[in-house]
Amino acid sequence: MLHGDLLGERARLTPQATALVEVATGRRFTYQDLDRRACRCGRMLREVLGLEKGDRLGLLCGNRVEFLDVFFAAAKTGVILVPLNTHLAARELELIVRDSGMGVLIYDADLAATVAQLRERSVFERCIVVGGGADTGDAAYENLVQGPGEASFERTPCTPEDLLCLLYTSGTTGKPKGVMIPRRMVSWNGYNTVACWQLRGDDVSPIFTPLYHAGGLGAFLLPIFTVGGAVVLHAGFDPDEVWRVIEEERCTVVLGVPAIWKLLADASAFATTDLSHVRWFISGGAPLPPPLVERYRERGVVLRQGYGLTEVGVNCFAMTDADAWEHRGSVGKPLMFTEARVVGEDGTEIAAGEVGELCFRGPHVSSGYWSNSEATAEAYDGDGWFHTGDLAQCDAEGFFYIVGRRKQMFISGGVNIYPVEIESVLAEHPAVADAAVVGVPHPTWGEVGAAFVVLGAGATADSDRLRAFLAERIARYKIPKHFRIVDELPRTPYGKVLRRRLIESFNPEGEDG
C-alpha cells in the first residue's frame, strides 16, 4: 500500500512541475528531483543506517532541502521521523530523545554545538551531519546519500494507521508530549485542505516558519505538494526578504502567525510590494487581532484567520474571502467531514453563543500520545472526540470563534475572564504594538488580570491611559488590575506567547506602566 508517500505519487503525476525553490541557495527542484533525492535518502536509511519500519529517527535541522529528503524518505520506508525543535537546549532535547527512543540522529552542522552537549546526556547508535563545515567526527549526510543511489528503490508497504512521525508539543505548559501522526492523518490533511481552501496547481506559497513544527509541514508544504503547486523555502524569517520573494516568485497563498503579520505590516516594503498575484493570506497559531485584518484589507489583501492543533491537523476550518471580512475574529466553519462541537463541563454540546471547550472528531485526528496512555485518555475520549483545551463558541450560522485556552482563562471574584478578549481590544490602541494578559494571584479576588504591553516605536502610554481606553470598550471587571510596559513578549519560535514565563516574572510590588 502506498499510504503516506505523497511526494512519490505527485512525482508520478507531474514529474517536471516545479516543487521547491530554496531561497538561501537559489536552487530549484522539480517533483522528480525531490523524489529521486528522497529515494536516495531512503536507501541510505535502510542500507547504511540499518533502520527498519517502526524505528525512530531524529532530525534536528533548519529549513533546507535535506529536511524534505529525510521527511519523505521516512514516508517511503516506514521509519518514524521525530523532527526536533532547533531552538531547544540540549537538556530539553534529551527529554524527547529518551521518550521517543530514537537511535539515530541526523543534524544540521549549524547545530553541532547543541548536539555535542546532547551527546553528553544521551546515547545514539549513530549521528549524521548535514551541511559539512563542522569538525564533529560524524559521517557527512551528503556522502552517505550518494552511495546507494535511487535505482530499484522499493517503498515499504504501510497501512493508514502506521505512524509517519512523532511531533512533540512545544512544552509551554509542561513536559513535551509526542503526538503520534499516522499516515492517514497526513493524507487527509492534504486532501481536505486542498478541497476546502480551494488550493490550485498553480499556487505558490512561501514557508518561513520552522519545518519541524506541525504548521510548517501541514500548512502549506503537504497541501501544496498534494495539489502540485510550488513551495518557496526560506531558511528563516526576514520581513524584507519575505516581501521581496513574494513579489519575485509571485506567491499566491501565504501562511503566517499574528506576530509575523504585524512585523510584515510594519516593514517599509509593505506599502510598495506588488501583491496583484496574491489570492489571500492566512494567519494561525494565535488569535488574530481585527485591526491587522483591516490593515491588510486597506492594502487590498484578504487576511483570513485559521485554526488547528498538532493533535488534529493544523487546518480544521475554512472560510471564503467574504467571510474573512464579514466574520472578523472567526476561524470559519469546520472542513468537510470534520466534526466540531463546543461542550460544557459535563461533556454535552451547548447552545450557540455559549462558551465551552472545542472538540473534534474525524479522520484528521491523531492517534494519541507516544508512550503516554494517561495523557491520551485525558484528551481522547471513548467516542473518538479529541478535547482541545481551547475555549470557543459557535454562532447560529455555524461560524466558530476561539475565546482562549481553558488553562489561560482565570477567575476573578467568581467571574470567568478570557485574556484573548482583552488582548484584542488592547491591540486597537494606537500606541500598543503587542500585548498579553495573564491571571495573577490576589488575596481578595483570587486572581486578577496583569497586562504586559509592548509599545510601538516612539509611542507613549501609561496604565491610566490604557485603563481608560479599555473602560470605554469592555466591562469594568475585565480591566486588568496591573499593567507592565515591557520591551517584548516571550514567545515560542512559532509565535505563541509563553504565558507561564510572564506569570513567573510578575512582581506584585512592581510599578505599573
Protein backbone atom coordinates (compact mmCIF):
# COMPACT_ATOMS: atom_id res chain seq x y z
CA MET A 1 0.00 0.00 0.00
CA LEU A 2 1.20 3.50 -0.81
CA HIS A 3 -0.16 5.31 2.21
CA GLY A 4 1.97 8.31 3.13
CA ASP A 5 4.23 8.57 0.06
CA LEU A 6 2.66 11.80 -1.08
CA LEU A 7 5.80 13.01 -2.84
CA GLY A 8 6.20 9.79 -4.83
CA GLU A 9 2.62 9.95 -6.05
CA ARG A 10 2.85 13.61 -7.03
CA ALA A 11 6.16 12.97 -8.85
CA ARG A 12 4.43 10.19 -10.80
CA LEU A 13 1.70 12.60 -11.95
CA THR A 14 3.63 15.83 -12.59
CA PRO A 15 7.35 14.96 -12.55
CA GLN A 16 8.56 18.14 -14.30
CA ALA A 17 6.48 20.66 -12.33
CA THR A 18 8.43 22.98 -10.03
CA ALA A 19 8.06 21.75 -6.46
CA LEU A 20 10.59 23.73 -4.43
CA VAL A 21 12.60 26.92 -4.59
CA GLU A 22 15.30 27.16 -1.90
CA VAL A 23 15.81 30.86 -1.20
CA ALA A 24 19.19 30.55 0.54
CA THR A 25 20.85 28.80 -2.42
CA GLY A 26 18.62 29.78 -5.33
CA ARG A 27 18.24 26.11 -6.27
CA ARG A 28 15.01 24.98 -7.92
CA PHE A 29 13.72 21.40 -7.80
CA THR A 30 11.02 19.59 -9.74
CA TYR A 31 8.90 16.90 -8.13
CA GLN A 32 11.02 14.32 -9.92
CA ASP A 33 14.17 15.90 -8.47
CA LEU A 34 12.83 15.78 -4.93
CA ASP A 35 11.51 12.25 -5.29
CA ARG A 36 14.88 10.99 -6.51
CA ARG A 37 16.59 12.69 -3.58
CA ALA A 38 14.10 11.08 -1.18
CA CYS A 39 14.69 7.65 -2.73
CA ARG A 40 18.45 8.01 -2.29
CA CYS A 41 17.88 9.06 1.31
CA GLY A 42 15.51 6.14 1.83
CA ARG A 43 18.11 3.65 0.63
CA MET A 44 20.65 5.28 2.93
CA LEU A 45 18.30 4.88 5.91
CA ARG A 46 17.88 1.18 5.14
CA GLU A 47 21.22 0.06 3.75
CA VAL A 48 23.70 2.32 5.53
CA LEU A 49 21.98 3.09 8.83
CA GLY A 50 20.12 -0.21 9.07
CA LEU A 51 16.81 1.38 10.03
CA GLU A 52 13.63 -0.65 9.69
CA LYS A 53 9.93 0.10 9.70
CA GLY A 54 8.90 1.47 13.11
CA ASP A 55 12.40 2.62 14.14
CA ARG A 56 12.54 6.22 15.34
CA LEU A 57 14.87 8.64 13.57
CA GLY A 58 15.68 12.08 14.99
CA LEU A 59 16.03 15.10 12.71
CA LEU A 60 17.48 18.34 14.10
CA CYS A 61 17.65 20.55 11.04
CA GLY A 62 16.74 24.01 9.80
CA ASN A 63 14.66 24.85 6.74
CA ARG A 64 16.63 23.29 3.90
CA VAL A 65 16.01 20.74 1.17
CA GLU A 66 17.68 17.98 3.21
CA PHE A 67 14.85 18.26 5.74
CA LEU A 68 12.44 17.31 2.97
CA ASP A 69 14.74 14.48 1.83
CA VAL A 70 14.56 12.86 5.25
CA PHE A 71 10.86 13.52 5.82
CA PHE A 72 9.78 11.94 2.55
CA ALA A 73 12.33 9.13 2.89
CA ALA A 74 10.65 8.23 6.18
CA ALA A 75 7.32 8.16 4.34
CA LYS A 76 8.78 5.69 1.83
CA THR A 77 10.50 3.38 4.32
CA GLY A 78 8.16 3.16 7.30
CA VAL A 79 10.72 4.77 9.61
CA ILE A 80 9.07 7.03 12.21
CA LEU A 81 10.57 10.51 11.94
CA VAL A 82 10.98 12.70 15.04
CA PRO A 83 11.57 16.32 13.93
CA LEU A 84 13.26 18.29 16.73
CA ASN A 85 12.85 21.94 17.66
CA THR A 86 16.09 23.65 16.64
CA HIS A 87 15.66 26.29 19.36
CA LEU A 88 15.67 23.85 22.28
CA ALA A 89 18.63 23.43 24.61
CA ALA A 90 20.38 20.06 24.95
CA ARG A 91 18.66 19.40 28.27
CA GLU A 92 15.23 19.92 26.68
CA LEU A 93 16.09 17.79 23.68
CA GLU A 94 17.22 14.99 25.96
CA LEU A 95 13.66 14.53 27.21
CA ILE A 96 12.43 13.96 23.67
CA VAL A 97 15.33 11.71 22.69
CA ARG A 98 14.70 9.43 25.66
CA ASP A 99 10.91 9.49 25.36
CA SER A 100 10.90 8.63 21.65
CA GLY A 101 13.62 6.00 21.87
CA MET A 102 15.38 7.29 18.74
CA GLY A 103 18.68 5.58 18.00
CA VAL A 104 19.94 7.68 15.10
CA LEU A 105 20.14 11.45 14.76
CA ILE A 106 20.57 13.47 11.56
CA TYR A 107 21.51 17.05 12.39
CA ASP A 108 22.39 20.36 10.81
CA ALA A 109 26.06 21.38 11.04
CA ASP A 110 24.94 24.77 12.37
CA LEU A 111 23.67 22.94 15.47
CA ALA A 112 26.84 20.95 16.14
CA ALA A 113 27.45 22.65 19.50
CA THR A 114 23.98 21.70 20.76
CA VAL A 115 24.44 18.12 19.55
CA ALA A 116 27.80 17.88 21.30
CA GLN A 117 26.08 18.79 24.58
CA LEU A 118 23.22 16.42 23.82
CA ARG A 119 25.58 13.50 23.29
CA GLU A 120 26.94 14.01 26.78
CA ARG A 121 23.40 13.36 28.06
CA SER A 122 22.12 10.79 25.55
CA VAL A 123 23.32 7.70 23.72
CA PHE A 124 22.97 7.42 19.94
CA GLU A 125 23.83 4.50 17.73
CA ARG A 126 24.94 6.96 15.11
CA CYS A 127 24.88 10.68 14.25
CA ILE A 128 24.92 12.08 10.71
CA VAL A 129 25.78 15.72 9.98
CA VAL A 130 24.15 17.75 7.20
CA GLY A 131 25.94 20.66 5.55
CA GLY A 132 29.53 19.80 6.47
CA GLY A 133 31.81 22.52 7.78
CA ALA A 134 31.84 21.09 11.29
CA ASP A 135 34.69 19.08 12.74
CA THR A 136 32.40 16.64 14.51
CA GLY A 137 33.82 13.28 13.52
CA ASP A 138 30.39 12.26 12.23
CA ALA A 139 29.75 10.99 8.72
CA ALA A 140 28.54 13.61 6.24
CA TYR A 141 24.97 13.18 5.03
CA GLU A 142 25.93 14.29 1.53
CA ASN A 143 28.46 11.46 1.19
CA LEU A 144 26.18 8.76 2.56
CA VAL A 145 23.23 9.50 0.26
CA GLN A 146 25.44 9.35 -2.85
CA GLY A 147 26.42 5.76 -2.14
CA PRO A 148 23.17 3.78 -2.54
CA GLY A 149 21.57 5.92 -5.26
CA GLU A 150 17.86 5.65 -6.08
CA ALA A 151 17.93 2.73 -8.52
CA SER A 152 15.44 -0.09 -7.89
CA PHE A 153 14.13 1.52 -4.73
CA GLU A 154 11.00 -0.16 -3.36
CA ARG A 155 8.65 1.52 -0.92
CA THR A 156 7.86 -0.26 2.32
CA PRO A 157 4.19 -1.32 2.48
CA CYS A 158 2.35 0.69 5.14
CA THR A 159 -1.21 0.92 6.37
CA PRO A 160 -3.19 4.12 7.02
CA GLU A 161 -2.63 3.75 10.77
CA ASP A 162 1.13 3.22 10.61
CA LEU A 163 2.93 6.22 12.08
CA LEU A 164 4.81 8.62 9.83
CA CYS A 165 6.19 10.85 12.56
CA LEU A 166 6.10 11.94 16.18
CA LEU A 167 5.59 15.68 16.58
CA TYR A 168 6.42 16.83 20.07
CA THR A 169 4.38 19.65 21.54
CA SER A 170 6.26 22.80 22.47
CA GLY A 171 6.11 22.12 26.20
CA THR A 172 4.95 25.65 27.05
CA THR A 173 2.52 24.18 29.58
CA GLY A 174 4.61 21.27 30.82
CA LYS A 175 6.61 18.27 29.66
CA PRO A 176 6.52 17.82 25.85
CA LYS A 177 4.30 15.02 24.57
CA GLY A 178 4.88 13.12 21.36
CA VAL A 179 1.82 13.33 19.15
CA MET A 180 1.50 10.18 17.04
CA ILE A 181 0.86 11.22 13.42
CA PRO A 182 -0.50 8.31 11.32
CA ARG A 183 -0.24 8.29 7.53
CA ARG A 184 -3.99 8.55 7.26
CA MET A 185 -3.86 11.90 9.06
CA VAL A 186 -1.15 13.30 6.76
CA SER A 187 -3.03 12.34 3.62
CA TRP A 188 -6.32 13.65 4.91
CA ASN A 189 -4.78 16.98 5.85
CA GLY A 190 -3.54 17.34 2.28
CA TYR A 191 -6.77 16.34 0.56
CA ASN A 192 -9.12 18.34 2.77
CA THR A 193 -7.02 21.49 2.80
CA VAL A 194 -6.83 21.44 -0.98
CA ALA A 195 -10.57 20.92 -1.32
CA CYS A 196 -11.85 23.27 1.36
CA TRP A 197 -9.27 26.05 0.98
CA GLN A 198 -9.52 25.62 -2.81
CA LEU A 199 -5.80 25.38 -3.43
CA ARG A 200 -4.67 25.08 -7.04
CA GLY A 201 -1.86 23.50 -9.00
CA ASP A 202 -0.55 26.96 -9.92
CA ASP A 203 -0.39 28.14 -6.29
CA VAL A 204 3.00 29.27 -4.99
CA SER A 205 3.49 29.51 -1.23
CA PRO A 206 6.49 30.70 0.79
CA ILE A 207 7.39 28.88 4.00
CA PHE A 208 9.36 30.90 6.53
CA THR A 209 8.08 29.19 9.67
CA PRO A 210 10.03 26.16 11.01
CA LEU A 211 9.51 22.89 9.16
CA TYR A 212 9.89 20.92 12.40
CA HIS A 213 6.57 22.39 13.53
CA ALA A 214 3.20 20.95 12.51
CA GLY A 215 2.34 24.31 10.95
CA GLY A 216 5.38 24.28 8.68
CA LEU A 217 4.56 20.79 7.44
CA GLY A 218 0.76 20.93 7.39
CA ALA A 219 0.28 24.45 6.04
CA PHE A 220 1.30 24.69 3.35
CA LEU A 221 4.01 22.14 2.48
CA LEU A 222 1.93 18.95 2.36
CA PRO A 223 -1.26 20.52 0.91
CA ILE A 224 0.72 22.36 -1.79
CA PHE A 225 2.55 19.15 -2.69
CA THR A 226 -0.79 17.32 -2.75
CA VAL A 227 -2.18 19.63 -5.42
CA GLY A 228 1.11 20.01 -7.31
CA GLY A 229 1.95 23.64 -6.56
CA ALA A 230 5.30 25.14 -5.60
CA VAL A 231 6.83 25.93 -2.21
CA VAL A 232 9.41 28.69 -1.72
CA LEU A 233 11.51 27.71 1.28
CA HIS A 234 13.15 30.39 3.45
CA ALA A 235 15.91 29.49 5.90
CA GLY A 236 14.33 31.86 8.43
CA PHE A 237 12.10 34.89 8.74
CA ASP A 238 13.25 38.28 7.49
CA PRO A 239 10.47 40.77 6.58
CA ASP A 240 12.32 42.41 3.69
CA GLU A 241 13.31 39.05 2.22
CA VAL A 242 9.77 37.73 2.54
CA TRP A 243 8.22 40.69 0.73
CA ARG A 244 10.89 40.53 -1.99
CA VAL A 245 10.32 36.82 -2.55
CA ILE A 246 6.52 37.15 -2.52
CA GLU A 247 6.86 39.63 -5.39
CA GLU A 248 9.64 37.87 -7.34
CA GLU A 249 8.13 34.38 -7.14
CA ARG A 250 4.59 35.73 -7.50
CA CYS A 251 3.37 33.89 -4.40
CA THR A 252 -0.38 33.37 -4.24
CA VAL A 253 -1.17 32.00 -0.75
CA VAL A 254 0.84 32.72 2.38
CA LEU A 255 0.68 31.42 5.96
CA GLY A 256 1.97 33.33 8.97
CA VAL A 257 1.25 33.90 12.64
CA PRO A 258 -0.09 37.19 14.06
CA ALA A 259 3.32 38.33 15.28
CA ILE A 260 4.75 37.78 11.79
CA TRP A 261 1.85 39.54 10.07
CA LYS A 262 2.42 42.51 12.37
CA LEU A 263 6.14 42.62 11.54
CA LEU A 264 5.39 42.34 7.83
CA ALA A 265 2.82 45.13 8.02
CA ASP A 266 5.31 47.37 9.84
CA ALA A 267 8.04 46.80 7.23
CA SER A 268 8.61 49.56 4.69
CA ALA A 269 8.12 47.13 1.79
CA PHE A 270 4.51 46.52 2.87
CA ALA A 271 3.38 49.65 1.08
CA THR A 272 5.28 49.08 -2.17
CA THR A 273 5.37 45.31 -2.85
CA ASP A 274 3.32 44.18 -5.85
CA LEU A 275 0.57 41.97 -4.44
CA SER A 276 -1.60 41.70 -7.54
CA HIS A 277 -0.92 37.94 -7.77
CA VAL A 278 -1.86 37.19 -4.13
CA ARG A 279 -5.12 35.31 -3.65
CA TRP A 280 -5.15 35.52 0.15
CA PHE A 281 -3.05 35.42 3.30
CA ILE A 282 -3.94 33.32 6.34
CA SER A 283 -2.93 33.51 10.00
CA GLY A 284 -2.69 30.72 12.56
CA GLY A 285 -1.00 29.79 15.81
CA ALA A 286 -2.68 32.50 17.90
CA PRO A 287 -5.73 34.79 17.80
CA LEU A 288 -5.61 37.38 15.02
CA PRO A 289 -6.32 40.98 16.13
CA PRO A 290 -9.07 42.54 13.96
CA PRO A 291 -7.00 45.73 13.39
CA LEU A 292 -4.47 43.62 11.48
CA VAL A 293 -7.22 42.27 9.23
CA GLU A 294 -8.21 45.85 8.49
CA ARG A 295 -4.62 46.91 7.69
CA TYR A 296 -4.30 44.18 5.08
CA ARG A 297 -7.75 44.91 3.69
CA GLU A 298 -6.70 48.52 3.17
CA ARG A 299 -3.71 47.13 1.25
CA GLY A 300 -6.13 45.17 -0.93
CA VAL A 301 -5.36 41.73 0.51
CA VAL A 302 -7.65 39.28 2.30
CA LEU A 303 -6.20 38.10 5.63
CA ARG A 304 -8.03 35.06 6.94
CA GLN A 305 -7.92 33.51 10.41
CA GLY A 306 -7.09 29.80 10.60
CA TYR A 307 -7.05 27.31 13.44
CA GLY A 308 -5.53 23.94 14.14
CA LEU A 309 -3.56 21.86 16.61
CA THR A 310 -0.82 19.29 16.18
CA GLU A 311 -3.21 16.64 17.51
CA VAL A 312 -6.00 17.32 15.00
CA GLY A 313 -4.16 18.69 11.99
CA VAL A 314 -3.26 22.32 11.59
CA ASN A 315 -6.11 23.06 9.20
CA CYS A 316 -9.53 22.44 10.76
CA PHE A 317 -11.70 25.31 9.47
CA ALA A 318 -12.27 27.19 6.24
CA MET A 319 -13.86 30.44 5.15
CA THR A 320 -14.39 32.42 1.98
CA ASP A 321 -12.80 35.80 1.32
CA ALA A 322 -16.12 37.46 2.12
CA ASP A 323 -16.39 35.52 5.39
CA ALA A 324 -12.92 36.70 6.42
CA TRP A 325 -14.17 40.29 6.48
CA GLU A 326 -17.83 39.87 7.43
CA HIS A 327 -17.00 37.48 10.30
CA ARG A 328 -13.79 39.06 11.56
CA GLY A 329 -12.48 37.16 14.56
CA SER A 330 -13.97 33.86 13.39
CA VAL A 331 -11.88 30.87 12.29
CA GLY A 332 -14.69 29.88 9.92
CA LYS A 333 -16.66 26.66 9.57
CA PRO A 334 -15.29 23.12 10.03
CA LEU A 335 -13.72 21.48 6.99
CA MET A 336 -15.70 18.80 5.17
CA PHE A 337 -16.11 15.57 7.15
CA THR A 338 -14.71 17.31 10.23
CA GLU A 339 -16.94 17.09 13.27
CA ALA A 340 -16.52 20.04 15.63
CA ARG A 341 -18.59 20.90 18.68
CA VAL A 342 -18.46 23.04 21.79
CA VAL A 343 -19.18 21.25 25.07
CA GLY A 344 -19.82 22.28 28.66
CA GLU A 345 -18.28 20.92 31.85
CA ASP A 346 -20.42 17.76 31.64
CA GLY A 347 -19.21 16.99 28.12
CA THR A 348 -22.51 17.67 26.37
CA GLU A 349 -22.89 20.08 23.48
CA ILE A 350 -24.01 23.56 24.47
CA ALA A 351 -26.18 26.14 22.73
CA ALA A 352 -24.98 28.58 20.08
CA GLY A 353 -23.23 31.59 21.53
CA GLU A 354 -22.20 29.91 24.79
CA VAL A 355 -18.54 29.39 25.67
CA GLY A 356 -17.23 25.87 26.16
CA GLU A 357 -14.44 23.50 25.18
CA LEU A 358 -13.83 22.86 21.49
CA CYS A 359 -13.75 19.17 20.49
CA PHE A 360 -13.04 17.39 17.18
CA ARG A 361 -13.73 14.00 15.69
CA GLY A 362 -12.79 12.69 12.26
CA PRO A 363 -10.09 11.15 10.06
CA HIS A 364 -7.80 14.13 10.66
CA VAL A 365 -7.37 13.36 14.38
CA SER A 366 -4.06 11.87 15.56
CA SER A 367 -3.63 8.50 17.27
CA GLY A 368 -2.74 9.72 20.76
CA TYR A 369 0.46 10.46 22.67
CA TRP A 370 3.52 8.26 22.37
CA SER A 371 4.04 6.05 25.42
CA ASN A 372 1.65 8.20 27.45
CA SER A 373 -1.64 6.40 28.00
CA GLU A 374 -2.65 8.76 30.80
CA ALA A 375 -2.40 11.89 28.64
CA THR A 376 -4.10 10.08 25.77
CA ALA A 377 -7.04 9.04 27.94
CA GLU A 378 -7.39 12.59 29.23
CA ALA A 379 -7.59 14.19 25.77
CA TYR A 380 -9.17 11.45 23.58
CA ASP A 381 -12.50 10.19 24.87
CA GLY A 382 -14.16 6.84 24.24
CA ASP A 383 -16.39 8.20 21.49
CA GLY A 384 -13.46 9.39 19.40
CA TRP A 385 -13.60 13.07 20.34
CA PHE A 386 -10.37 14.97 20.93
CA HIS A 387 -10.72 17.62 23.65
CA THR A 388 -8.56 20.56 22.61
CA GLY A 389 -8.46 22.51 25.87
CA ASP A 390 -9.42 25.59 23.82
CA LEU A 391 -12.46 27.63 24.73
CA ALA A 392 -14.71 28.52 21.84
CA GLN A 393 -18.22 29.47 20.82
CA CYS A 394 -20.26 28.76 17.71
CA ASP A 395 -22.80 31.25 16.40
CA ALA A 396 -26.18 30.47 14.87
CA GLU A 397 -24.69 30.46 11.35
CA GLY A 398 -22.10 27.81 12.23
CA PHE A 399 -19.06 30.09 12.46
CA PHE A 400 -16.64 29.25 15.26
CA TYR A 401 -14.76 31.74 17.43
CA ILE A 402 -11.79 30.91 19.65
CA VAL A 403 -12.07 32.55 23.06
CA GLY A 404 -8.78 31.27 24.51
CA ARG A 405 -7.13 28.34 26.21
CA ARG A 406 -9.03 26.79 29.10
CA LYS A 407 -5.83 26.97 31.15
CA GLN A 408 -5.38 30.64 30.22
CA MET A 409 -8.81 31.60 31.50
CA PHE A 410 -8.74 32.89 35.07
CA ILE A 411 -11.48 33.50 37.61
CA SER A 412 -11.66 36.84 39.38
CA GLY A 413 -14.25 37.19 42.10
CA GLY A 414 -16.12 34.19 40.73
CA VAL A 415 -16.28 35.57 37.17
CA ASN A 416 -14.56 33.96 34.17
CA ILE A 417 -12.07 36.24 32.41
CA TYR A 418 -10.80 35.43 28.91
CA PRO A 419 -7.43 37.08 28.15
CA VAL A 420 -7.85 36.91 24.37
CA GLU A 421 -10.81 39.29 24.51
CA ILE A 422 -8.81 41.90 26.46
CA GLU A 423 -5.73 41.48 24.27
CA SER A 424 -7.80 42.03 21.15
CA VAL A 425 -9.06 45.36 22.48
CA LEU A 426 -5.61 46.45 23.65
CA ALA A 427 -4.34 45.78 20.12
CA GLU A 428 -6.67 48.54 18.89
CA HIS A 429 -4.84 51.17 20.96
CA PRO A 430 -2.62 53.22 18.60
CA ALA A 431 0.34 53.08 21.00
CA VAL A 432 0.23 49.30 21.56
CA ALA A 433 2.38 47.04 19.38
CA ASP A 434 1.82 43.81 21.32
CA ALA A 435 0.04 42.71 24.49
CA ALA A 436 -0.66 39.66 26.64
CA VAL A 437 -2.90 39.29 29.68
CA VAL A 438 -2.48 36.64 32.39
CA GLY A 439 -4.13 35.90 35.70
CA VAL A 440 -2.04 36.51 38.82
CA PRO A 441 -2.89 35.76 42.49
CA HIS A 442 -4.85 38.29 44.54
CA PRO A 443 -5.76 37.99 48.27
CA THR A 444 -9.35 39.19 47.82
CA TRP A 445 -10.44 38.23 44.32
CA GLY A 446 -8.45 35.03 43.93
CA GLU A 447 -6.95 36.19 40.66
CA VAL A 448 -6.78 39.47 38.78
CA GLY A 449 -5.51 40.40 35.35
CA ALA A 450 -1.98 41.56 34.64
CA ALA A 451 -1.38 43.09 31.22
CA PHE A 452 2.09 43.03 29.69
CA VAL A 453 2.22 45.68 26.98
CA VAL A 454 4.79 46.40 24.26
CA LEU A 455 4.59 49.95 22.90
CA GLY A 456 5.24 50.88 19.31
CA ALA A 457 8.38 52.75 18.30
CA GLY A 458 8.24 56.27 19.71
CA ALA A 459 4.82 55.70 21.30
CA THR A 460 3.93 56.57 24.90
CA ALA A 461 1.21 55.26 27.19
CA ASP A 462 0.78 54.54 30.87
CA SER A 463 -1.56 52.41 32.95
CA ASP A 464 -4.12 55.20 33.40
CA ARG A 465 -4.43 55.79 29.67
CA LEU A 466 -4.68 52.08 28.93
CA ARG A 467 -7.32 51.59 31.64
CA ALA A 468 -9.34 54.50 30.28
CA PHE A 469 -9.11 53.09 26.78
CA LEU A 470 -10.36 49.68 27.94
CA ALA A 471 -13.11 51.19 30.12
CA GLU A 472 -14.77 52.57 27.01
CA ARG A 473 -14.80 49.18 25.32
CA ILE A 474 -15.14 46.32 27.82
CA ALA A 475 -16.83 45.68 31.17
CA ARG A 476 -15.07 47.10 34.20
CA TYR A 477 -14.45 43.70 35.80
CA LYS A 478 -12.41 42.64 32.78
CA ILE A 479 -9.93 45.51 33.02
CA PRO A 480 -6.54 44.26 34.31
CA LYS A 481 -5.54 45.48 37.74
CA HIS A 482 -1.85 45.59 36.78
CA PHE A 483 -0.07 46.92 33.70
CA ARG A 484 3.56 46.33 32.88
CA ILE A 485 5.31 48.04 29.96
CA VAL A 486 7.89 45.62 28.55
CA ASP A 487 10.32 45.62 25.62
CA GLU A 488 8.98 42.38 24.18
CA LEU A 489 6.84 39.36 24.98
CA PRO A 490 8.48 35.94 25.35
CA ARG A 491 7.29 33.74 22.51
CA THR A 492 7.89 30.30 21.05
CA PRO A 493 9.54 30.18 17.60
CA TYR A 494 6.03 29.78 16.19
CA GLY A 495 4.72 32.95 17.81
CA LYS A 496 2.82 31.69 20.85
CA VAL A 497 3.22 33.78 24.00
CA LEU A 498 4.97 31.98 26.85
CA ARG A 499 2.37 32.95 29.43
CA ARG A 500 3.84 30.82 32.16
CA ARG A 501 7.03 32.85 31.91
CA LEU A 502 5.05 36.09 32.27
CA ILE A 503 3.30 34.77 35.37
CA GLU A 504 6.60 33.69 36.89
CA SER A 505 8.15 37.08 36.19
CA PHE A 506 5.29 39.09 37.67
CA ASN A 507 6.16 41.14 40.74
CA PRO A 508 3.07 42.50 42.55
CA GLU A 509 5.19 45.23 44.08
CA GLY A 510 6.41 46.43 40.71
CA GLU A 511 5.42 49.71 39.16
CA ASP A 512 2.51 49.88 36.75
CA GLY A 513 3.49 51.22 33.35
